[in-house]
N, C-alpha and C. Protein backbone atom coordinates (compact mmCIF):
# COMPACT_ATOMS: atom_id res chain seq x y z
N MET A 1 20.20 -22.16 40.73
CA MET A 1 18.89 -21.99 40.15
C MET A 1 18.64 -20.49 39.71
N LYS A 2 19.08 -19.61 40.54
CA LYS A 2 18.89 -18.20 40.22
C LYS A 2 19.67 -17.76 38.96
N ILE A 3 20.85 -18.42 38.80
CA ILE A 3 21.65 -18.08 37.61
C ILE A 3 20.98 -18.65 36.39
N LEU A 4 20.34 -19.79 36.46
CA LEU A 4 19.61 -20.26 35.29
C LEU A 4 18.40 -19.47 35.01
N GLN A 5 17.66 -18.95 36.10
CA GLN A 5 16.56 -18.02 35.73
C GLN A 5 17.00 -16.73 35.10
N ARG A 6 18.08 -16.20 35.58
CA ARG A 6 18.61 -14.95 35.06
C ARG A 6 19.03 -15.18 33.60
N SER A 7 19.64 -16.30 33.25
CA SER A 7 20.15 -16.69 31.92
C SER A 7 18.85 -16.73 30.97
N LEU A 8 17.90 -17.45 31.46
CA LEU A 8 16.61 -17.65 30.65
C LEU A 8 15.97 -16.26 30.44
N LEU A 9 15.94 -15.43 31.46
CA LEU A 9 15.36 -14.07 31.30
C LEU A 9 16.14 -13.25 30.30
N ALA A 10 17.40 -13.37 30.29
CA ALA A 10 18.27 -12.58 29.43
C ALA A 10 18.04 -13.11 28.00
N VAL A 11 18.03 -14.44 27.78
CA VAL A 11 17.82 -14.99 26.48
C VAL A 11 16.41 -14.59 25.93
N THR A 12 15.38 -14.60 26.81
CA THR A 12 14.01 -14.29 26.41
C THR A 12 13.96 -12.78 26.02
N ALA A 13 14.58 -11.96 26.83
CA ALA A 13 14.61 -10.52 26.44
C ALA A 13 15.32 -10.23 25.18
N ALA A 14 16.48 -10.93 24.96
CA ALA A 14 17.20 -10.79 23.69
C ALA A 14 16.41 -11.25 22.47
N ALA A 15 15.61 -12.37 22.68
CA ALA A 15 14.83 -12.87 21.59
C ALA A 15 13.72 -11.95 21.30
N ALA A 16 13.12 -11.28 22.33
CA ALA A 16 12.03 -10.26 22.09
C ALA A 16 12.52 -9.08 21.27
N VAL A 17 13.72 -8.63 21.59
CA VAL A 17 14.32 -7.51 20.91
C VAL A 17 14.57 -7.87 19.48
N VAL A 18 15.09 -9.07 19.16
CA VAL A 18 15.39 -9.50 17.87
C VAL A 18 14.08 -9.69 17.05
N LEU A 19 13.02 -10.23 17.72
CA LEU A 19 11.78 -10.42 17.00
C LEU A 19 11.11 -9.10 16.70
N SER A 20 11.09 -8.13 17.65
CA SER A 20 10.49 -6.80 17.36
C SER A 20 11.30 -6.01 16.30
N ALA A 21 12.59 -6.18 16.31
CA ALA A 21 13.43 -5.49 15.28
C ALA A 21 13.16 -6.17 13.92
N GLY A 22 12.92 -7.44 13.91
CA GLY A 22 12.65 -8.20 12.68
C GLY A 22 11.34 -7.82 12.10
N ALA A 23 10.30 -7.53 12.96
CA ALA A 23 9.01 -7.07 12.43
C ALA A 23 9.09 -5.67 11.82
N ALA A 24 9.91 -4.81 12.46
CA ALA A 24 10.06 -3.44 11.85
C ALA A 24 10.76 -3.52 10.59
N ALA A 25 11.79 -4.31 10.50
CA ALA A 25 12.54 -4.42 9.26
C ALA A 25 11.80 -5.22 8.15
N ASP A 26 10.78 -5.99 8.60
CA ASP A 26 10.04 -6.85 7.71
C ASP A 26 9.38 -6.03 6.60
N ALA A 27 8.86 -4.87 6.94
CA ALA A 27 8.12 -4.08 5.88
C ALA A 27 9.11 -3.48 4.89
N ALA A 28 10.30 -3.27 5.28
CA ALA A 28 11.30 -2.76 4.32
C ALA A 28 11.76 -3.86 3.41
N ALA A 29 11.86 -5.11 3.87
CA ALA A 29 12.39 -6.24 3.10
C ALA A 29 11.29 -7.19 2.78
N PHE A 30 10.67 -6.97 1.67
CA PHE A 30 9.57 -7.83 1.30
C PHE A 30 9.88 -8.45 -0.09
N PRO A 31 9.34 -9.57 -0.43
CA PRO A 31 9.66 -10.21 -1.70
C PRO A 31 9.15 -9.27 -2.95
N LYS A 32 9.84 -9.45 -4.03
CA LYS A 32 9.45 -8.72 -5.22
C LYS A 32 8.24 -9.41 -5.85
N TYR A 33 7.06 -8.76 -5.85
CA TYR A 33 5.85 -9.33 -6.43
C TYR A 33 5.69 -8.91 -7.82
N LYS A 34 5.00 -9.70 -8.63
CA LYS A 34 4.68 -9.36 -10.04
C LYS A 34 3.71 -8.24 -10.04
N ALA A 35 4.08 -7.14 -10.72
CA ALA A 35 3.22 -5.96 -10.85
C ALA A 35 2.16 -6.19 -11.97
N PRO A 36 0.99 -5.70 -11.76
CA PRO A 36 -0.05 -5.82 -12.80
C PRO A 36 0.18 -4.78 -13.88
N LYS A 37 -0.60 -4.87 -14.92
CA LYS A 37 -0.49 -3.84 -16.02
C LYS A 37 -0.92 -2.57 -15.40
N ILE A 38 -0.16 -1.48 -15.66
CA ILE A 38 -0.46 -0.22 -15.03
C ILE A 38 -1.83 0.24 -15.49
N PHE A 39 -2.08 0.15 -16.73
CA PHE A 39 -3.35 0.61 -17.35
C PHE A 39 -4.26 -0.51 -17.72
N GLY A 40 -4.37 -1.53 -16.81
CA GLY A 40 -5.20 -2.66 -17.07
C GLY A 40 -6.66 -2.26 -17.10
N THR A 41 -7.43 -3.01 -17.90
CA THR A 41 -8.88 -2.52 -18.06
C THR A 41 -9.85 -3.44 -17.32
N THR A 42 -9.31 -4.32 -16.45
CA THR A 42 -10.20 -5.11 -15.66
C THR A 42 -9.69 -5.01 -14.21
N PHE A 43 -10.60 -5.26 -13.25
CA PHE A 43 -10.30 -5.31 -11.84
C PHE A 43 -9.45 -6.57 -11.56
N GLN A 44 -8.47 -6.42 -10.80
CA GLN A 44 -7.56 -7.52 -10.38
C GLN A 44 -8.35 -8.51 -9.44
N ALA A 45 -8.24 -9.74 -9.67
CA ALA A 45 -8.85 -10.77 -8.80
C ALA A 45 -8.04 -10.92 -7.62
N ASP A 46 -8.65 -11.44 -6.47
CA ASP A 46 -7.92 -11.79 -5.38
C ASP A 46 -8.50 -13.18 -4.90
N PRO A 47 -8.03 -14.22 -5.54
CA PRO A 47 -8.56 -15.57 -5.35
C PRO A 47 -8.63 -15.92 -3.81
N GLY A 48 -9.64 -16.46 -3.34
CA GLY A 48 -9.70 -16.88 -1.95
C GLY A 48 -10.20 -15.80 -1.00
N HIS A 49 -10.27 -14.56 -1.50
CA HIS A 49 -10.81 -13.52 -0.60
C HIS A 49 -12.33 -13.45 -0.56
N ASP A 50 -12.88 -13.55 0.66
CA ASP A 50 -14.22 -13.56 0.81
C ASP A 50 -14.75 -12.10 1.22
N PHE A 51 -15.43 -11.44 0.24
CA PHE A 51 -15.79 -10.06 0.44
C PHE A 51 -17.07 -10.01 1.27
N THR A 52 -17.67 -11.15 1.54
CA THR A 52 -18.97 -11.12 2.33
C THR A 52 -18.70 -11.07 3.82
N LYS A 53 -17.38 -11.28 4.19
CA LYS A 53 -17.03 -11.16 5.57
C LYS A 53 -16.53 -9.75 5.87
N ARG A 54 -16.19 -9.46 7.02
CA ARG A 54 -15.66 -8.07 7.36
C ARG A 54 -14.53 -7.62 6.46
N ILE A 55 -14.35 -6.31 6.28
CA ILE A 55 -13.41 -5.75 5.49
C ILE A 55 -12.00 -6.13 6.08
N ARG A 56 -11.16 -6.65 5.27
CA ARG A 56 -9.83 -7.08 5.76
C ARG A 56 -8.74 -6.92 4.67
N SER A 57 -7.57 -7.30 4.96
CA SER A 57 -6.39 -7.11 4.04
C SER A 57 -6.51 -8.05 2.83
N ARG A 58 -5.95 -7.47 1.78
CA ARG A 58 -5.73 -8.29 0.58
C ARG A 58 -4.63 -9.32 0.76
N HIS A 59 -4.55 -10.37 0.01
CA HIS A 59 -3.49 -11.28 0.06
C HIS A 59 -2.13 -10.61 -0.45
N ASN A 60 -1.01 -11.19 -0.13
CA ASN A 60 0.23 -10.60 -0.51
C ASN A 60 0.32 -10.31 -2.07
N GLY A 61 0.92 -9.25 -2.39
CA GLY A 61 1.02 -8.90 -3.81
C GLY A 61 0.83 -7.41 -4.13
N ILE A 62 0.73 -7.09 -5.30
CA ILE A 62 0.55 -5.72 -5.75
C ILE A 62 -0.81 -5.47 -6.33
N LEU A 63 -1.52 -4.51 -5.86
CA LEU A 63 -2.82 -4.13 -6.40
C LEU A 63 -2.78 -2.85 -7.12
N ARG A 64 -3.38 -2.76 -8.26
CA ARG A 64 -3.60 -1.49 -8.95
C ARG A 64 -4.88 -0.92 -8.24
N GLY A 65 -4.73 0.11 -7.49
CA GLY A 65 -5.87 0.59 -6.77
C GLY A 65 -5.71 2.03 -6.27
N TRP A 66 -6.58 2.46 -5.37
CA TRP A 66 -6.38 3.70 -4.65
C TRP A 66 -6.90 3.63 -3.25
N ILE A 67 -6.34 4.45 -2.43
CA ILE A 67 -6.76 4.48 -0.99
C ILE A 67 -8.02 5.41 -0.93
N THR A 68 -9.07 4.82 -0.34
CA THR A 68 -10.26 5.57 -0.29
C THR A 68 -10.52 6.25 1.12
N HIS A 69 -9.89 5.74 2.12
CA HIS A 69 -10.06 6.29 3.53
C HIS A 69 -8.90 5.84 4.34
N VAL A 70 -8.55 6.78 5.24
CA VAL A 70 -7.51 6.49 6.32
C VAL A 70 -8.01 6.84 7.59
N ARG A 71 -8.01 5.83 8.55
CA ARG A 71 -8.41 6.05 9.93
C ARG A 71 -7.28 5.62 10.81
N GLY A 72 -6.60 6.58 11.48
CA GLY A 72 -5.49 6.20 12.28
C GLY A 72 -4.36 5.80 11.36
N SER A 73 -3.88 4.58 11.52
CA SER A 73 -2.86 4.08 10.67
C SER A 73 -3.32 2.96 9.70
N VAL A 74 -4.66 2.81 9.64
CA VAL A 74 -5.30 1.81 8.71
C VAL A 74 -5.84 2.52 7.49
N ALA A 75 -5.52 1.97 6.33
CA ALA A 75 -6.01 2.46 5.10
C ALA A 75 -7.05 1.52 4.45
N GLU A 76 -8.14 2.12 3.96
CA GLU A 76 -9.12 1.27 3.22
C GLU A 76 -8.78 1.59 1.74
N TYR A 77 -8.77 0.56 0.94
CA TYR A 77 -8.38 0.78 -0.42
C TYR A 77 -9.19 -0.18 -1.32
N GLU A 78 -9.30 0.14 -2.62
CA GLU A 78 -10.07 -0.67 -3.59
C GLU A 78 -9.35 -0.82 -4.87
N PRO A 79 -9.66 -1.82 -5.68
CA PRO A 79 -9.10 -2.03 -6.99
C PRO A 79 -9.63 -0.94 -7.98
N ILE A 80 -8.75 -0.64 -8.97
CA ILE A 80 -9.18 0.32 -10.02
C ILE A 80 -8.90 -0.30 -11.36
N LYS A 81 -9.55 0.19 -12.36
CA LYS A 81 -9.22 -0.20 -13.77
C LYS A 81 -9.24 1.02 -14.71
N TRP A 82 -8.63 0.90 -15.74
CA TRP A 82 -8.57 1.94 -16.74
C TRP A 82 -9.74 1.92 -17.63
N LYS A 83 -10.39 3.01 -17.84
CA LYS A 83 -11.55 3.07 -18.72
C LYS A 83 -11.18 4.03 -19.79
N LYS A 84 -11.04 3.43 -21.03
CA LYS A 84 -10.67 4.28 -22.21
C LYS A 84 -11.79 5.33 -22.51
N GLY A 85 -11.25 6.55 -22.81
CA GLY A 85 -12.21 7.61 -23.02
C GLY A 85 -12.36 7.81 -24.58
N THR A 86 -13.41 8.66 -24.90
CA THR A 86 -13.68 9.02 -26.32
C THR A 86 -13.13 10.37 -26.62
N VAL A 87 -13.15 11.28 -25.62
CA VAL A 87 -12.63 12.64 -25.83
C VAL A 87 -11.18 12.66 -25.30
N THR A 88 -10.98 12.11 -24.17
CA THR A 88 -9.63 12.06 -23.55
C THR A 88 -9.08 10.63 -23.68
N GLU A 89 -7.89 10.52 -23.25
CA GLU A 89 -7.25 9.20 -23.25
C GLU A 89 -8.04 8.14 -22.35
N GLY A 90 -8.62 8.64 -21.30
CA GLY A 90 -9.34 7.80 -20.37
C GLY A 90 -9.11 8.24 -18.93
N ARG A 91 -9.56 7.33 -18.07
CA ARG A 91 -9.42 7.65 -16.58
C ARG A 91 -9.55 6.39 -15.83
N PHE A 92 -9.09 6.40 -14.58
CA PHE A 92 -9.24 5.26 -13.74
C PHE A 92 -10.62 5.27 -13.05
N THR A 93 -11.17 4.13 -12.86
CA THR A 93 -12.49 4.00 -12.15
C THR A 93 -12.36 2.90 -11.09
N GLY A 94 -13.10 3.05 -10.10
CA GLY A 94 -13.25 2.09 -9.03
C GLY A 94 -14.45 1.15 -9.28
N PRO A 95 -14.70 0.28 -8.36
CA PRO A 95 -15.91 -0.57 -8.52
C PRO A 95 -17.20 0.32 -8.48
N PRO A 96 -18.27 -0.17 -9.09
CA PRO A 96 -19.46 0.60 -9.09
C PRO A 96 -20.06 0.77 -7.65
N GLU A 97 -20.94 1.73 -7.47
CA GLU A 97 -21.64 1.92 -6.20
C GLU A 97 -22.32 0.60 -5.72
N GLY A 98 -22.13 0.33 -4.57
CA GLY A 98 -22.76 -0.93 -3.93
C GLY A 98 -21.88 -2.19 -4.10
N ASP A 99 -20.80 -2.09 -4.81
CA ASP A 99 -19.88 -3.19 -4.99
C ASP A 99 -18.98 -3.29 -3.68
N VAL A 100 -18.86 -4.40 -3.14
CA VAL A 100 -18.11 -4.62 -1.87
C VAL A 100 -16.64 -4.92 -1.98
N ARG A 101 -16.07 -4.78 -3.12
CA ARG A 101 -14.64 -5.04 -3.37
C ARG A 101 -13.84 -3.96 -2.73
N ALA A 102 -13.44 -4.17 -1.45
CA ALA A 102 -12.68 -3.20 -0.70
C ALA A 102 -11.87 -3.94 0.34
N TYR A 103 -10.63 -3.34 0.68
CA TYR A 103 -9.74 -3.96 1.60
C TYR A 103 -9.34 -2.96 2.67
N ALA A 104 -8.79 -3.42 3.76
CA ALA A 104 -8.29 -2.50 4.85
C ALA A 104 -7.06 -3.17 5.40
N SER A 105 -5.99 -2.37 5.54
CA SER A 105 -4.65 -2.89 5.97
C SER A 105 -3.98 -1.74 6.76
N PRO A 106 -3.23 -2.11 7.77
CA PRO A 106 -2.41 -1.03 8.37
C PRO A 106 -1.27 -0.61 7.42
N ILE A 107 -0.93 0.66 7.54
CA ILE A 107 0.17 1.17 6.78
C ILE A 107 1.47 0.94 7.57
N ALA A 108 2.47 0.33 7.02
CA ALA A 108 3.74 0.02 7.73
C ALA A 108 4.40 1.41 8.22
N ARG A 109 5.03 1.37 9.32
CA ARG A 109 5.67 2.55 9.83
C ARG A 109 6.78 2.99 8.91
N ASN A 110 7.37 2.02 8.16
CA ASN A 110 8.49 2.41 7.25
C ASN A 110 8.03 2.21 5.77
N VAL A 111 6.76 2.49 5.54
CA VAL A 111 6.17 2.29 4.18
C VAL A 111 7.10 3.00 3.16
N LEU A 112 7.22 2.42 2.01
CA LEU A 112 7.95 3.10 0.89
C LEU A 112 6.92 3.79 0.03
N PHE A 113 6.74 5.05 0.11
CA PHE A 113 5.84 5.83 -0.63
C PHE A 113 6.66 6.60 -1.80
N LEU A 114 6.27 6.17 -3.01
CA LEU A 114 6.94 6.79 -4.20
C LEU A 114 5.92 7.65 -4.93
N SER A 115 6.15 9.03 -4.81
CA SER A 115 5.22 9.99 -5.37
C SER A 115 5.47 10.25 -6.79
N ALA A 116 4.42 10.53 -7.52
CA ALA A 116 4.56 10.97 -8.91
C ALA A 116 4.58 12.56 -9.10
N VAL A 117 4.30 13.23 -8.02
CA VAL A 117 4.18 14.68 -8.08
C VAL A 117 4.92 15.38 -6.95
N GLY A 118 5.93 14.74 -6.42
CA GLY A 118 6.72 15.44 -5.37
C GLY A 118 6.17 15.16 -3.93
N CYS A 119 6.86 15.71 -2.97
CA CYS A 119 6.44 15.53 -1.58
C CYS A 119 5.85 16.85 -1.03
N GLY A 120 5.35 16.71 0.15
CA GLY A 120 4.75 17.88 0.78
C GLY A 120 3.41 18.32 0.19
N SER A 121 3.00 19.54 0.51
CA SER A 121 1.77 20.02 0.05
C SER A 121 1.75 20.64 -1.28
N ALA A 122 2.98 21.13 -1.75
CA ALA A 122 3.12 21.83 -3.04
C ALA A 122 2.68 20.97 -4.22
N MET A 123 3.21 19.73 -4.29
CA MET A 123 3.03 18.82 -5.36
C MET A 123 3.11 19.51 -6.73
N THR A 124 4.20 20.19 -6.96
CA THR A 124 4.35 20.94 -8.18
C THR A 124 5.33 20.39 -9.13
N SER A 125 6.21 19.51 -8.67
CA SER A 125 7.19 18.89 -9.56
C SER A 125 6.78 17.46 -10.00
N LEU A 126 7.04 17.09 -11.19
CA LEU A 126 6.65 15.81 -11.75
C LEU A 126 7.92 14.89 -11.37
N THR A 127 7.59 13.86 -10.74
CA THR A 127 8.70 12.86 -10.22
C THR A 127 8.36 11.49 -10.66
N VAL A 128 8.41 11.12 -11.91
CA VAL A 128 7.97 9.86 -12.41
C VAL A 128 9.16 9.15 -13.14
N ASN A 129 9.08 7.92 -13.24
CA ASN A 129 10.06 7.21 -14.03
C ASN A 129 9.50 7.04 -15.48
N GLY A 130 10.26 6.23 -16.29
CA GLY A 130 9.83 6.14 -17.69
C GLY A 130 8.46 5.44 -17.91
N LYS A 131 7.97 4.82 -16.89
CA LYS A 131 6.62 4.10 -17.07
C LYS A 131 5.53 4.89 -16.49
N GLY A 132 5.83 6.09 -16.03
CA GLY A 132 4.72 6.89 -15.48
C GLY A 132 4.38 6.68 -14.05
N LEU A 133 5.35 5.93 -13.37
CA LEU A 133 5.20 5.68 -11.89
C LEU A 133 5.92 6.56 -11.10
N GLY A 134 5.47 6.75 -9.88
CA GLY A 134 6.17 7.68 -8.88
C GLY A 134 7.66 7.19 -8.63
N ALA A 135 8.49 8.15 -8.54
CA ALA A 135 9.96 7.79 -8.30
C ALA A 135 10.48 8.54 -7.16
N LYS A 136 9.82 9.52 -6.57
CA LYS A 136 10.32 10.37 -5.51
C LYS A 136 9.88 9.75 -4.21
N ARG A 137 10.82 9.44 -3.35
CA ARG A 137 10.48 8.86 -2.01
C ARG A 137 9.94 9.95 -1.04
N CYS A 138 8.86 9.80 -0.50
CA CYS A 138 8.25 10.66 0.42
C CYS A 138 7.92 10.03 1.70
N SER A 139 7.57 10.81 2.65
CA SER A 139 7.34 10.24 4.06
C SER A 139 5.93 9.59 4.14
N ARG A 140 5.82 8.74 5.24
CA ARG A 140 4.51 8.13 5.52
C ARG A 140 3.46 9.19 5.82
N ALA A 141 3.88 10.27 6.46
CA ALA A 141 2.92 11.43 6.74
C ALA A 141 2.41 11.97 5.48
N ASP A 142 3.29 12.18 4.44
CA ASP A 142 2.83 12.63 3.10
C ASP A 142 1.89 11.69 2.48
N LEU A 143 2.09 10.42 2.62
CA LEU A 143 1.10 9.39 2.07
C LEU A 143 -0.23 9.52 2.71
N ILE A 144 -0.27 9.68 4.05
CA ILE A 144 -1.51 9.79 4.77
C ILE A 144 -2.24 11.09 4.46
N LYS A 145 -1.51 12.21 4.40
CA LYS A 145 -2.15 13.46 4.10
C LYS A 145 -2.71 13.44 2.64
N ARG A 146 -1.98 12.93 1.74
CA ARG A 146 -2.35 12.90 0.29
C ARG A 146 -3.64 11.98 0.17
N SER A 147 -3.63 10.91 0.97
CA SER A 147 -4.69 9.95 0.79
C SER A 147 -6.07 10.54 1.36
N LYS A 148 -5.88 11.41 2.34
CA LYS A 148 -7.13 12.09 2.90
C LYS A 148 -7.66 13.09 1.95
N ARG A 149 -6.86 13.62 1.09
CA ARG A 149 -7.29 14.65 0.08
C ARG A 149 -8.02 14.09 -1.07
N GLY A 150 -7.91 12.83 -1.32
CA GLY A 150 -8.63 12.26 -2.49
C GLY A 150 -7.95 11.01 -3.08
N GLU A 151 -8.54 10.38 -3.88
CA GLU A 151 -8.17 9.11 -4.41
C GLU A 151 -7.08 9.35 -5.49
N ARG A 152 -5.94 8.74 -5.31
CA ARG A 152 -4.81 8.79 -6.26
C ARG A 152 -4.46 7.35 -6.72
N PRO A 153 -4.52 7.18 -8.10
CA PRO A 153 -4.14 5.85 -8.59
C PRO A 153 -2.73 5.40 -8.17
N ALA A 154 -2.55 4.17 -7.79
CA ALA A 154 -1.25 3.71 -7.34
C ALA A 154 -1.14 2.19 -7.41
N LEU A 155 0.02 1.73 -7.33
CA LEU A 155 0.36 0.28 -7.18
C LEU A 155 0.55 0.15 -5.68
N ILE A 156 -0.30 -0.62 -4.99
CA ILE A 156 -0.26 -0.82 -3.61
C ILE A 156 0.23 -2.21 -3.30
N THR A 157 1.33 -2.26 -2.59
CA THR A 157 2.00 -3.55 -2.29
C THR A 157 1.63 -3.97 -0.77
N VAL A 158 1.07 -5.19 -0.69
CA VAL A 158 0.66 -5.74 0.60
C VAL A 158 1.53 -6.89 0.86
N HIS A 159 2.10 -6.89 2.08
CA HIS A 159 2.89 -8.02 2.53
C HIS A 159 2.57 -8.41 3.93
N LYS A 160 2.13 -9.61 4.16
CA LYS A 160 1.69 -10.07 5.49
C LYS A 160 0.66 -9.20 6.12
N GLY A 161 -0.29 -8.77 5.35
CA GLY A 161 -1.42 -8.02 5.81
C GLY A 161 -1.17 -6.54 6.05
N THR A 162 0.02 -6.05 5.68
CA THR A 162 0.35 -4.64 5.87
C THR A 162 0.75 -4.04 4.49
N ILE A 163 0.40 -2.76 4.39
CA ILE A 163 0.78 -2.00 3.18
C ILE A 163 2.27 -1.53 3.39
N VAL A 164 3.14 -2.08 2.50
CA VAL A 164 4.60 -1.83 2.65
C VAL A 164 5.11 -0.86 1.58
N GLN A 165 4.29 -0.68 0.45
CA GLN A 165 4.80 0.23 -0.57
C GLN A 165 3.55 0.73 -1.37
N VAL A 166 3.57 2.06 -1.57
CA VAL A 166 2.56 2.72 -2.48
C VAL A 166 3.30 3.52 -3.53
N GLN A 167 3.19 3.22 -4.77
CA GLN A 167 3.74 3.80 -5.89
C GLN A 167 2.72 4.44 -6.74
N GLU A 168 2.65 5.82 -6.78
CA GLU A 168 1.54 6.51 -7.49
C GLU A 168 1.75 6.33 -8.96
N ILE A 169 0.62 6.28 -9.68
CA ILE A 169 0.50 6.25 -11.16
C ILE A 169 0.25 7.68 -11.58
N PHE A 170 1.08 8.27 -12.41
CA PHE A 170 0.79 9.56 -12.89
C PHE A 170 -0.34 9.62 -13.88
N THR A 171 -1.27 10.47 -13.66
CA THR A 171 -2.35 10.84 -14.65
C THR A 171 -2.50 12.26 -14.67
N PRO A 172 -2.52 12.86 -15.89
CA PRO A 172 -2.55 14.28 -16.01
C PRO A 172 -3.98 14.82 -15.64
């Protein structure tokens, strides 16, 4: 009987280790979602999301948006759209004052943060791909620090309620 209990305990412990390792690796291995137009002129819809209830995570996918607030490891973020300008090319704008379109999700420990202006506090080098999206991998700490400094346009990927990738959109 004791041998059976020890075996069950060992199997349970091994399963717990495998499951926790799988959850950590889960943020790094997520499906490839269809990206929205980088300079789309409308806010992206999130069918089935009820904004009248508490602030919560967006459904799986990629949102053109920006992080508006970080508390601990949870980021609040909202959709953005491109507004064409008359004097300049234009700028990104969020929902108008009083609009409740906002989400909140934890930032994965192994989030993939692709910066458009380099890592650290200097932010002096341009690090973009041919589409104007960030290409330099930076740390989670850099993402959180940068998000606290102000809103930066990005493609925010959410998988299973967690932010797993943030790819900045370069705007001069």
